[in-house]
Amino acid sequence: MKMKCRDFTQFILEYQAGELSAETRLAFEQHLRKCRNCDHYLHGYELTVLLEKAAFAAPPDDHLVPAEVPEELVQAILAAQRRETTGS
């Protein structure tokens, strides 16, 4: 199997999840070694995913909340965010 750049982008999610067949994974990795643009694209994609996860996982910075905002409001917002995350 020979992979082209347009094929490459269709397999990124499965590659990251380890769900590609052995043949497709080999073609994907061979393409990565030969194509600098796709290699850069994959690294940019991975960095974007990591930054997105970090942004949503980071605890809120208390110093970003103005002092005049009541603590009860802050706690209510944080509780609402937790409910959205857990689906409760």
PDB file of N, CA and C in Angstrom:
ATOM      1  N   MET A   1       0.847  -1.178   0.000  1.00  0.00           N
ATOM      2  CA  MET A   1       0.000   0.000   0.000  1.00  0.00           C
ATOM      3  C   MET A   1       0.894   1.242   0.000  1.00  0.00           C
ATOM      4  N   LYS A   2       0.658   2.132  -0.925  1.00  0.00           N
ATOM      5  CA  LYS A   2       1.391   3.393  -0.981  1.00  0.00           C
ATOM      6  C   LYS A   2       0.436   4.498  -0.537  1.00  0.00           C
ATOM      7  N   MET A   3       0.887   5.314   0.403  1.00  0.00           N
ATOM      8  CA  MET A   3       0.042   6.363   0.956  1.00  0.00           C
ATOM      9  C   MET A   3       0.437   7.712   0.376  1.00  0.00           C
ATOM     10  N   LYS A   4      -0.574   8.509   0.079  1.00  0.00           N
ATOM     11  CA  LYS A   4      -0.371   9.877  -0.387  1.00  0.00           C
ATOM     12  C   LYS A   4      -0.763  10.833   0.729  1.00  0.00           C
ATOM     13  N   CYS A   5      -0.381  12.086   0.592  1.00  0.00           N
ATOM     14  CA  CYS A   5      -0.660  13.085   1.629  1.00  0.00           C
ATOM     15  C   CYS A   5      -2.147  13.170   1.965  1.00  0.00           C
ATOM     16  N   ARG A   6      -2.997  13.164   0.964  1.00  0.00           N
ATOM     17  CA  ARG A   6      -4.435  13.274   1.250  1.00  0.00           C
ATOM     18  C   ARG A   6      -4.960  12.033   1.977  1.00  0.00           C
ATOM     19  N   ASP A   7      -4.346  10.875   1.749  1.00  0.00           N
ATOM     20  CA  ASP A   7      -4.718   9.664   2.480  1.00  0.00           C
ATOM     21  C   ASP A   7      -4.242   9.753   3.929  1.00  0.00           C
ATOM     22  N   PHE A   8      -3.046  10.301   4.093  1.00  0.00           N
ATOM     23  CA  PHE A   8      -2.397  10.403   5.398  1.00  0.00           C
ATOM     24  C   PHE A   8      -3.307  11.066   6.421  1.00  0.00           C
ATOM     25  N   THR A   9      -3.927  12.191   6.054  1.00  0.00           N
ATOM     26  CA  THR A   9      -4.750  12.937   7.010  1.00  0.00           C
ATOM     27  C   THR A   9      -5.982  12.153   7.451  1.00  0.00           C
ATOM     28  N   GLN A  10      -6.421  11.226   6.636  1.00  0.00           N
ATOM     29  CA  GLN A  10      -7.600  10.425   6.982  1.00  0.00           C
ATOM     30  C   GLN A  10      -7.297   9.365   8.040  1.00  0.00           C
ATOM     31  N   PHE A  11      -6.023   9.065   8.244  1.00  0.00           N
ATOM     32  CA  PHE A  11      -5.645   7.992   9.160  1.00  0.00           C
ATOM     33  C   PHE A  11      -5.044   8.477  10.482  1.00  0.00           C
ATOM     34  N   ILE A  12      -4.950   9.785  10.679  1.00  0.00           N
ATOM     35  CA  ILE A  12      -4.282  10.313  11.870  1.00  0.00           C
ATOM     36  C   ILE A  12      -4.955   9.848  13.158  1.00  0.00           C
ATOM     37  N   LEU A  13      -6.261   9.952  13.245  1.00  0.00           N
ATOM     38  CA  LEU A  13      -6.955   9.552  14.476  1.00  0.00           C
ATOM     39  C   LEU A  13      -6.737   8.081  14.799  1.00  0.00           C
ATOM     40  N   GLU A  14      -6.870   7.233  13.788  1.00  0.00           N
ATOM     41  CA  GLU A  14      -6.670   5.808  14.011  1.00  0.00           C
ATOM     42  C   GLU A  14      -5.217   5.502  14.361  1.00  0.00           C
ATOM     43  N   TYR A  15      -4.284   6.243  13.759  1.00  0.00           N
ATOM     44  CA  TYR A  15      -2.873   6.064  14.073  1.00  0.00           C
ATOM     45  C   TYR A  15      -2.617   6.397  15.537  1.00  0.00           C
ATOM     46  N   GLN A  16      -3.125   7.534  15.982  1.00  0.00           N
ATOM     47  CA  GLN A  16      -2.950   7.955  17.369  1.00  0.00           C
ATOM     48  C   GLN A  16      -3.568   6.961  18.343  1.00  0.00           C
ATOM     49  N   ALA A  17      -4.671   6.353  17.959  1.00  0.00           N
ATOM     50  CA  ALA A  17      -5.365   5.406  18.832  1.00  0.00           C
ATOM     51  C   ALA A  17      -4.791   3.995  18.742  1.00  0.00           C
ATOM     52  N   GLY A  18      -3.831   3.776  17.832  1.00  0.00           N
ATOM     53  CA  GLY A  18      -3.259   2.445  17.664  1.00  0.00           C
ATOM     54  C   GLY A  18      -4.220   1.465  17.011  1.00  0.00           C
ATOM     55  N   GLU A  19      -5.093   1.979  16.149  1.00  0.00           N
ATOM     56  CA  GLU A  19      -6.140   1.145  15.555  1.00  0.00           C
ATOM     57  C   GLU A  19      -5.921   0.829  14.076  1.00  0.00           C
ATOM     58  N   LEU A  20      -4.761   1.180  13.537  1.00  0.00           N
ATOM     59  CA  LEU A  20      -4.495   0.875  12.134  1.00  0.00           C
ATOM     60  C   LEU A  20      -4.067  -0.578  11.981  1.00  0.00           C
ATOM     61  N   SER A  21      -4.419  -1.162  10.859  1.00  0.00           N
ATOM     62  CA  SER A  21      -3.921  -2.502  10.564  1.00  0.00           C
ATOM     63  C   SER A  21      -2.413  -2.399  10.393  1.00  0.00           C
ATOM     64  N   ALA A  22      -1.731  -3.520  10.494  1.00  0.00           N
ATOM     65  CA  ALA A  22      -0.272  -3.529  10.371  1.00  0.00           C
ATOM     66  C   ALA A  22       0.160  -2.962   9.018  1.00  0.00           C
ATOM     67  N   GLU A  23      -0.539  -3.320   7.962  1.00  0.00           N
ATOM     68  CA  GLU A  23      -0.191  -2.841   6.612  1.00  0.00           C
ATOM     69  C   GLU A  23      -0.380  -1.325   6.502  1.00  0.00           C
ATOM     70  N   THR A  24      -1.485  -0.814   7.012  1.00  0.00           N
ATOM     71  CA  THR A  24      -1.759   0.619   6.923  1.00  0.00           C
ATOM     72  C   THR A  24      -0.807   1.403   7.813  1.00  0.00           C
ATOM     73  N   ARG A  25      -0.513   0.862   8.987  1.00  0.00           N
ATOM     74  CA  ARG A  25       0.433   1.539   9.885  1.00  0.00           C
ATOM     75  C   ARG A  25       1.816   1.629   9.237  1.00  0.00           C
ATOM     76  N   LEU A  26       2.247   0.567   8.599  1.00  0.00           N
ATOM     77  CA  LEU A  26       3.536   0.568   7.920  1.00  0.00           C
ATOM     78  C   LEU A  26       3.554   1.624   6.820  1.00  0.00           C
ATOM     79  N   ALA A  27       2.500   1.683   6.007  1.00  0.00           N
ATOM     80  CA  ALA A  27       2.415   2.676   4.937  1.00  0.00           C
ATOM     81  C   ALA A  27       2.401   4.091   5.514  1.00  0.00           C
ATOM     82  N   PHE A  28       1.676   4.279   6.607  1.00  0.00           N
ATOM     83  CA  PHE A  28       1.591   5.578   7.283  1.00  0.00           C
ATOM     84  C   PHE A  28       2.972   6.013   7.752  1.00  0.00           C
ATOM     85  N   GLU A  29       3.683   5.124   8.425  1.00  0.00           N
ATOM     86  CA  GLU A  29       5.006   5.453   8.962  1.00  0.00           C
ATOM     87  C   GLU A  29       6.051   5.635   7.859  1.00  0.00           C
ATOM     88  N   GLN A  30       5.929   4.871   6.783  1.00  0.00           N
ATOM     89  CA  GLN A  30       6.842   5.057   5.649  1.00  0.00           C
ATOM     90  C   GLN A  30       6.611   6.431   5.024  1.00  0.00           C
ATOM     91  N   HIS A  31       5.349   6.804   4.901  1.00  0.00           N
ATOM     92  CA  HIS A  31       5.033   8.115   4.352  1.00  0.00           C
ATOM     93  C   HIS A  31       5.599   9.213   5.248  1.00  0.00           C
ATOM     94  N   LEU A  32       5.473   9.051   6.564  1.00  0.00           N
ATOM     95  CA  LEU A  32       6.011  10.028   7.513  1.00  0.00           C
ATOM     96  C   LEU A  32       7.508  10.226   7.321  1.00  0.00           C
ATOM     97  N   ARG A  33       8.218   9.131   7.105  1.00  0.00           N
ATOM     98  CA  ARG A  33       9.676   9.220   6.944  1.00  0.00           C
ATOM     99  C   ARG A  33      10.067   9.951   5.657  1.00  0.00           C
ATOM    100  N   LYS A  34       9.229   9.850   4.647  1.00  0.00           N
ATOM    101  CA  LYS A  34       9.554  10.436   3.348  1.00  0.00           C
ATOM    102  C   LYS A  34       8.987  11.846   3.158  1.00  0.00           C
ATOM    103  N   CYS A  35       7.909  12.177   3.837  1.00  0.00           N
ATOM    104  CA  CYS A  35       7.210  13.437   3.579  1.00  0.00           C
ATOM    105  C   CYS A  35       7.369  14.396   4.761  1.00  0.00           C
ATOM    106  N   ARG A  36       8.187  15.380   4.575  1.00  0.00           N
ATOM    107  CA  ARG A  36       8.447  16.356   5.632  1.00  0.00           C
ATOM    108  C   ARG A  36       7.175  17.128   5.996  1.00  0.00           C
ATOM    109  N   ASN A  37       6.350  17.461   5.016  1.00  0.00           N
ATOM    110  CA  ASN A  37       5.126  18.218   5.291  1.00  0.00           C
ATOM    111  C   ASN A  37       4.172  17.433   6.186  1.00  0.00           C
ATOM    112  N   CYS A  38       3.989  16.175   5.909  1.00  0.00           N
ATOM    113  CA  CYS A  38       3.087  15.364   6.736  1.00  0.00           C
ATOM    114  C   CYS A  38       3.676  15.130   8.126  1.00  0.00           C
ATOM    115  N   ASP A  39       4.989  14.997   8.199  1.00  0.00           N
ATOM    116  CA  ASP A  39       5.644  14.855   9.494  1.00  0.00           C
ATOM    117  C   ASP A  39       5.394  16.109  10.342  1.00  0.00           C
ATOM    118  N   HIS A  40       5.566  17.269   9.750  1.00  0.00           N
ATOM    119  CA  HIS A  40       5.292  18.527  10.462  1.00  0.00           C
ATOM    120  C   HIS A  40       3.814  18.634  10.827  1.00  0.00           C
ATOM    121  N   TYR A  41       2.961  18.220   9.907  1.00  0.00           N
ATOM    122  CA  TYR A  41       1.520  18.273  10.153  1.00  0.00           C
ATOM    123  C   TYR A  41       1.155  17.404  11.353  1.00  0.00           C
ATOM    124  N   LEU A  42       1.689  16.196  11.394  1.00  0.00           N
ATOM    125  CA  LEU A  42       1.394  15.286  12.504  1.00  0.00           C
ATOM    126  C   LEU A  42       1.895  15.863  13.825  1.00  0.00           C
ATOM    127  N   HIS A  43       3.092  16.406  13.842  1.00  0.00           N
ATOM    128  CA  HIS A  43       3.623  16.981  15.082  1.00  0.00           C
ATOM    129  C   HIS A  43       2.789  18.187  15.529  1.00  0.00           C
ATOM    130  N   GLY A  44       2.359  19.003  14.573  1.00  0.00           N
ATOM    131  CA  GLY A  44       1.490  20.131  14.898  1.00  0.00           C
ATOM    132  C   GLY A  44       0.153  19.665  15.441  1.00  0.00           C
ATOM    133  N   TYR A  45      -0.381  18.605  14.853  1.00  0.00           N
ATOM    134  CA  TYR A  45      -1.642  18.025  15.311  1.00  0.00           C
ATOM    135  C   TYR A  45      -1.501  17.506  16.742  1.00  0.00           C
ATOM    136  N   GLU A  46      -0.421  16.766  16.993  1.00  0.00           N
ATOM    137  CA  GLU A  46      -0.193  16.215  18.336  1.00  0.00           C
ATOM    138  C   GLU A  46      -0.022  17.322  19.371  1.00  0.00           C
ATOM    139  N   LEU A  47       0.698  18.377  18.999  1.00  0.00           N
ATOM    140  CA  LEU A  47       0.898  19.497  19.915  1.00  0.00           C
ATOM    141  C   LEU A  47      -0.431  20.194  20.211  1.00  0.00           C
ATOM    142  N   THR A  48      -1.243  20.368  19.197  1.00  0.00           N
ATOM    143  CA  THR A  48      -2.557  20.996  19.380  1.00  0.00           C
ATOM    144  C   THR A  48      -3.412  20.186  20.338  1.00  0.00           C
ATOM    145  N   VAL A  49      -3.430  18.881  20.176  1.00  0.00           N
ATOM    146  CA  VAL A  49      -4.211  18.012  21.065  1.00  0.00           C
ATOM    147  C   VAL A  49      -3.694  18.112  22.501  1.00  0.00           C
ATOM    148  N   LEU A  50      -2.381  18.080  22.675  1.00  0.00           N
ATOM    149  CA  LEU A  50      -1.805  18.185  24.019  1.00  0.00           C
ATOM    150  C   LEU A  50      -2.142  19.525  24.675  1.00  0.00           C
ATOM    151  N   LEU A  51      -2.030  20.600  23.911  1.00  0.00           N
ATOM    152  CA  LEU A  51      -2.335  21.921  24.465  1.00  0.00           C
ATOM    153  C   LEU A  51      -3.811  22.054  24.811  1.00  0.00           C
ATOM    154  N   GLU A  52      -4.652  21.489  23.971  1.00  0.00           N
ATOM    155  CA  GLU A  52      -6.091  21.535  24.243  1.00  0.00           C
ATOM    156  C   GLU A  52      -6.430  20.770  25.521  1.00  0.00           C
ATOM    157  N   LYS A  53      -5.859  19.597  25.671  1.00  0.00           N
ATOM    158  CA  LYS A  53      -6.094  18.818  26.887  1.00  0.00           C
ATOM    159  C   LYS A  53      -5.579  19.552  28.117  1.00  0.00           C
ATOM    160  N   ALA A  54      -4.404  20.142  27.997  1.00  0.00           N
ATOM    161  CA  ALA A  54      -3.822  20.870  29.127  1.00  0.00           C
ATOM    162  C   ALA A  54      -4.668  22.080  29.493  1.00  0.00           C
ATOM    163  N   ALA A  55      -5.201  22.755  28.496  1.00  0.00           N
ATOM    164  CA  ALA A  55      -6.009  23.948  28.761  1.00  0.00           C
ATOM    165  C   ALA A  55      -7.267  23.594  29.548  1.00  0.00           C
ATOM    166  N   PHE A  56      -7.866  22.454  29.230  1.00  0.00           N
ATOM    167  CA  PHE A  56      -9.095  22.072  29.913  1.00  0.00           C
ATOM    168  C   PHE A  56      -8.831  21.334  31.218  1.00  0.00           C
ATOM    169  N   ALA A  57      -7.635  20.811  31.383  1.00  0.00           N
ATOM    170  CA  ALA A  57      -7.319  20.072  32.610  1.00  0.00           C
ATOM    171  C   ALA A  57      -6.724  20.969  33.686  1.00  0.00           C
ATOM    172  N   ALA A  58      -6.207  22.108  33.283  1.00  0.00           N
ATOM    173  CA  ALA A  58      -5.540  22.995  34.247  1.00  0.00           C
ATOM    174  C   ALA A  58      -6.555  23.585  35.218  1.00  0.00           C
ATOM    175  N   PRO A  59      -6.212  23.599  36.499  1.00  0.00           N
ATOM    176  CA  PRO A  59      -7.117  24.225  37.467  1.00  0.00           C
ATOM    177  C   PRO A  59      -7.188  25.718  37.221  1.00  0.00           C
ATOM    178  N   PRO A  60      -8.321  26.316  37.505  1.00  0.00           N
ATOM    179  CA  PRO A  60      -8.424  27.756  37.289  1.00  0.00           C
ATOM    180  C   PRO A  60      -7.454  28.507  38.194  1.00  0.00           C
ATOM    181  N   ASP A  61      -6.902  29.553  37.671  1.00  0.00           N
ATOM    182  CA  ASP A  61      -5.988  30.388  38.455  1.00  0.00           C
ATOM    183  C   ASP A  61      -6.803  31.347  39.304  1.00  0.00           C
ATOM    184  N   ASP A  62      -6.651  31.243  40.623  1.00  0.00           N
ATOM    185  CA  ASP A  62      -7.391  32.116  41.521  1.00  0.00           C
ATOM    186  C   ASP A  62      -7.056  33.578  41.295  1.00  0.00           C
ATOM    187  N   HIS A  63      -5.803  33.845  40.905  1.00  0.00           N
ATOM    188  CA  HIS A  63      -5.420  35.234  40.728  1.00  0.00           C
ATOM    189  C   HIS A  63      -6.066  35.878  39.510  1.00  0.00           C
ATOM    190  N   LEU A  64      -6.701  35.090  38.643  1.00  0.00           N
ATOM    191  CA  LEU A  64      -7.385  35.647  37.482  1.00  0.00           C
ATOM    192  C   LEU A  64      -8.799  36.102  37.822  1.00  0.00           C
ATOM    193  N   VAL A  65      -9.313  35.684  38.944  1.00  0.00           N
ATOM    194  CA  VAL A  65     -10.658  36.071  39.359  1.00  0.00           C
ATOM    195  C   VAL A  65     -10.541  37.386  40.129  1.00  0.00           C
ATOM    196  N   PRO A  66     -11.245  38.415  39.643  1.00  0.00           N
ATOM    197  CA  PRO A  66     -11.186  39.692  40.367  1.00  0.00           C
ATOM    198  C   PRO A  66     -11.639  39.536  41.811  1.00  0.00           C
ATOM    199  N   ALA A  67     -11.031  40.285  42.686  1.00  0.00           N
ATOM    200  CA  ALA A  67     -11.314  40.192  44.124  1.00  0.00           C
ATOM    201  C   ALA A  67     -12.759  40.495  44.454  1.00  0.00           C
ATOM    202  N   GLU A  68     -13.415  41.307  43.633  1.00  0.00           N
ATOM    203  CA  GLU A  68     -14.800  41.685  43.935  1.00  0.00           C
ATOM    204  C   GLU A  68     -15.830  40.604  43.580  1.00  0.00           C
ATOM    205  N   VAL A  69     -15.388  39.530  42.924  1.00  0.00           N
ATOM    206  CA  VAL A  69     -16.312  38.437  42.596  1.00  0.00           C
ATOM    207  C   VAL A  69     -16.517  37.590  43.847  1.00  0.00           C
ATOM    208  N   PRO A  70     -17.776  37.406  44.251  1.00  0.00           N
ATOM    209  CA  PRO A  70     -18.038  36.624  45.468  1.00  0.00           C
ATOM    210  C   PRO A  70     -17.553  35.181  45.336  1.00  0.00           C
ATOM    211  N   GLU A  71     -16.985  34.643  46.375  1.00  0.00           N
ATOM    212  CA  GLU A  71     -16.483  33.270  46.396  1.00  0.00           C
ATOM    213  C   GLU A  71     -17.600  32.280  46.073  1.00  0.00           C
ATOM    214  N   GLU A  72     -18.819  32.556  46.502  1.00  0.00           N
ATOM    215  CA  GLU A  72     -19.958  31.670  46.231  1.00  0.00           C
ATOM    216  C   GLU A  72     -20.205  31.555  44.722  1.00  0.00           C
ATOM    217  N   LEU A  73     -20.048  32.658  43.999  1.00  0.00           N
ATOM    218  CA  LEU A  73     -20.228  32.637  42.551  1.00  0.00           C
ATOM    219  C   LEU A  73     -19.137  31.806  41.892  1.00  0.00           C
ATOM    220  N   VAL A  74     -17.917  31.984  42.325  1.00  0.00           N
ATOM    221  CA  VAL A  74     -16.804  31.203  41.785  1.00  0.00           C
ATOM    222  C   VAL A  74     -17.062  29.717  42.012  1.00  0.00           C
ATOM    223  N   GLN A  75     -17.462  29.339  43.205  1.00  0.00           N
ATOM    224  CA  GLN A  75     -17.710  27.930  43.527  1.00  0.00           C
ATOM    225  C   GLN A  75     -18.881  27.382  42.710  1.00  0.00           C
ATOM    226  N   ALA A  76     -19.913  28.191  42.481  1.00  0.00           N
ATOM    227  CA  ALA A  76     -21.058  27.752  41.680  1.00  0.00           C
ATOM    228  C   ALA A  76     -20.646  27.494  40.232  1.00  0.00           C
ATOM    229  N   ILE A  77     -19.796  28.355  39.701  1.00  0.00           N
ATOM    230  CA  ILE A  77     -19.315  28.167  38.330  1.00  0.00           C
ATOM    231  C   ILE A  77     -18.464  26.906  38.234  1.00  0.00           C
ATOM    232  N   LEU A  78     -17.572  26.711  39.194  1.00  0.00           N
ATOM    233  CA  LEU A  78     -16.727  25.508  39.193  1.00  0.00           C
ATOM    234  C   LEU A  78     -17.568  24.243  39.326  1.00  0.00           C
ATOM    235  N   ALA A  79     -18.600  24.283  40.156  1.00  0.00           N
ATOM    236  CA  ALA A  79     -19.488  23.123  40.317  1.00  0.00           C
ATOM    237  C   ALA A  79     -20.223  22.836  39.010  1.00  0.00           C
ATOM    238  N   ALA A  80     -20.664  23.886  38.319  1.00  0.00           N
ATOM    239  CA  ALA A  80     -21.352  23.704  37.039  1.00  0.00           C
ATOM    240  C   ALA A  80     -20.412  23.093  36.010  1.00  0.00           C
ATOM    241  N   GLN A  81     -19.161  23.519  36.004  1.00  0.00           N
ATOM    242  CA  GLN A  81     -18.177  22.958  35.067  1.00  0.00           C
ATOM    243  C   GLN A  81     -17.947  21.475  35.371  1.00  0.00           C
ATOM    244  N   ARG A  82     -17.888  21.128  36.639  1.00  0.00           N
ATOM    245  CA  ARG A  82     -17.693  19.714  37.003  1.00  0.00           C
ATOM    246  C   ARG A  82     -18.884  18.885  36.551  1.00  0.00           C
ATOM    247  N   ARG A  83     -20.089  19.411  36.728  1.00  0.00           N
ATOM    248  CA  ARG A  83     -21.285  18.674  36.288  1.00  0.00           C
ATOM    249  C   ARG A  83     -21.270  18.464  34.781  1.00  0.00           C
ATOM    250  N   GLU A  84     -20.844  19.478  34.019  1.00  0.00           N
ATOM    251  CA  GLU A  84     -20.755  19.333  32.559  1.00  0.00           C
ATOM    252  C   GLU A  84     -19.741  18.266  32.190  1.00  0.00           C
ATOM    253  N   THR A  85     -18.636  18.256  32.873  1.00  0.00           N
ATOM    254  CA  THR A  85     -17.572  17.292  32.587  1.00  0.00           C
ATOM    255  C   THR A  85     -17.990  15.869  32.891  1.00  0.00           C
ATOM    256  N   THR A  86     -18.674  15.684  34.016  1.00  0.00           N
ATOM    257  CA  THR A  86     -19.058  14.333  34.425  1.00  0.00           C
ATOM    258  C   THR A  86     -20.417  13.931  33.878  1.00  0.00           C
ATOM    259  N   GLY A  87     -21.163  14.881  33.339  1.00  0.00           N
ATOM    260  CA  GLY A  87     -22.472  14.563  32.783  1.00  0.00           C
ATOM    261  C   GLY A  87     -23.538  14.383  33.837  1.00  0.00           C
ATOM    262  N   SER A  88     -23.294  14.840  35.046  1.00  0.00           N
ATOM    263  CA  SER A  88     -24.257  14.694  36.139  1.00  0.00           C
ATOM    264  C   SER A  88     -25.243  15.825  36.153  1.00  0.00           C
TER     265      SER A  88
END
